[in-house]
Amino acid sequence: MLREIFLYFCQSEYFNLPETALVDDEILESLDIVTIVSEIKDVFDVEITVDDLVPENFNSVEAILALIQARKA
């Protein structure tokens, strides 16, 4: 369910491809990550810290979902 909600808010064909490296393939830039973090805070009511702002946490949908789930715990 969390994945479906996240994908709904992303609305991008890149997010539907789990093998796509969003940061490594330069699909996401720093401002995109800031926008995603803002949406995560608003939609999922979780706090993303400065320490969380590393490429590994935003390189795939699965990584972003894992970050959300870790912060909700």
Protein backbone atom coordinates (compact mmCIF):
# COMPACT_ATOMS: atom_id res chain seq x y z
CA MET A 1 0.00 0.00 0.00
CA LEU A 2 2.82 2.40 0.86
CA ARG A 3 4.40 1.84 -2.57
CA GLU A 4 1.14 2.60 -4.37
CA ILE A 5 0.65 5.81 -2.42
CA PHE A 6 4.22 6.86 -3.10
CA LEU A 7 3.95 6.10 -6.82
CA TYR A 8 0.70 8.01 -7.02
CA PHE A 9 2.40 11.14 -5.72
CA CYS A 10 5.46 10.72 -7.94
CA GLN A 11 3.54 10.42 -11.24
CA SER A 12 6.65 9.66 -13.32
CA GLU A 13 7.45 6.77 -15.61
CA TYR A 14 10.92 6.56 -14.06
CA PHE A 15 9.48 5.67 -10.68
CA ASN A 16 7.71 2.67 -12.20
CA LEU A 17 11.01 1.12 -13.26
CA PRO A 18 12.66 -0.47 -10.21
CA GLU A 19 15.97 -0.98 -12.05
CA THR A 20 16.31 2.73 -12.81
CA ALA A 21 19.07 4.39 -10.76
CA LEU A 22 17.38 7.72 -10.13
CA VAL A 23 20.44 9.55 -8.79
CA ASP A 24 23.21 7.68 -10.61
CA ASP A 25 21.43 8.08 -13.96
CA GLU A 26 20.91 11.78 -13.19
CA ILE A 27 17.13 11.52 -13.34
CA LEU A 28 16.89 13.17 -9.93
CA GLU A 29 18.85 16.31 -9.12
CA SER A 30 19.27 17.98 -5.75
CA LEU A 31 16.17 20.15 -6.12
CA ASP A 32 14.14 17.08 -7.05
CA ILE A 33 15.27 15.41 -3.86
CA VAL A 34 14.30 18.47 -1.83
CA THR A 35 10.83 18.31 -3.41
CA ILE A 36 10.55 14.59 -2.69
CA VAL A 37 11.60 15.12 0.93
CA SER A 38 8.96 17.82 1.30
CA GLU A 39 6.28 15.53 -0.15
CA ILE A 40 7.38 12.66 2.10
CA LYS A 41 7.06 14.93 5.14
CA ASP A 42 3.61 16.14 4.09
CA VAL A 43 2.14 12.85 2.91
CA PHE A 44 3.68 10.34 5.32
CA ASP A 45 4.26 12.62 8.33
CA VAL A 46 7.87 11.54 8.77
CA GLU A 47 10.95 13.60 9.46
CA ILE A 48 13.86 13.22 7.03
CA THR A 49 17.13 14.33 8.60
CA VAL A 50 20.22 15.83 7.00
CA ASP A 51 21.94 12.49 7.57
CA ASP A 52 19.28 10.85 5.39
CA LEU A 53 20.13 13.07 2.41
CA VAL A 54 22.56 10.67 0.76
CA PRO A 55 22.27 9.37 -2.81
CA GLU A 56 21.73 5.78 -1.64
CA ASN A 57 18.42 6.76 -0.02
CA PHE A 58 17.04 8.26 -3.25
CA ASN A 59 18.57 6.10 -5.97
CA SER A 60 15.49 3.88 -6.39
CA VAL A 61 11.86 3.68 -5.44
CA GLU A 62 12.72 0.81 -3.11
CA ALA A 63 15.39 2.91 -1.37
CA ILE A 64 12.98 5.80 -0.88
CA LEU A 65 10.31 3.45 0.44
CA ALA A 66 12.82 1.88 2.83
CA LEU A 67 13.70 5.36 4.10
CA ILE A 68 10.03 6.18 4.68
CA GLN A 69 9.43 2.89 6.46
CA ALA A 70 12.52 3.35 8.64
CA ARG A 71 11.41 6.84 9.66
CA LYS A 72 7.85 5.68 10.40
CA ALA A 73 9.14 3.00 12.76
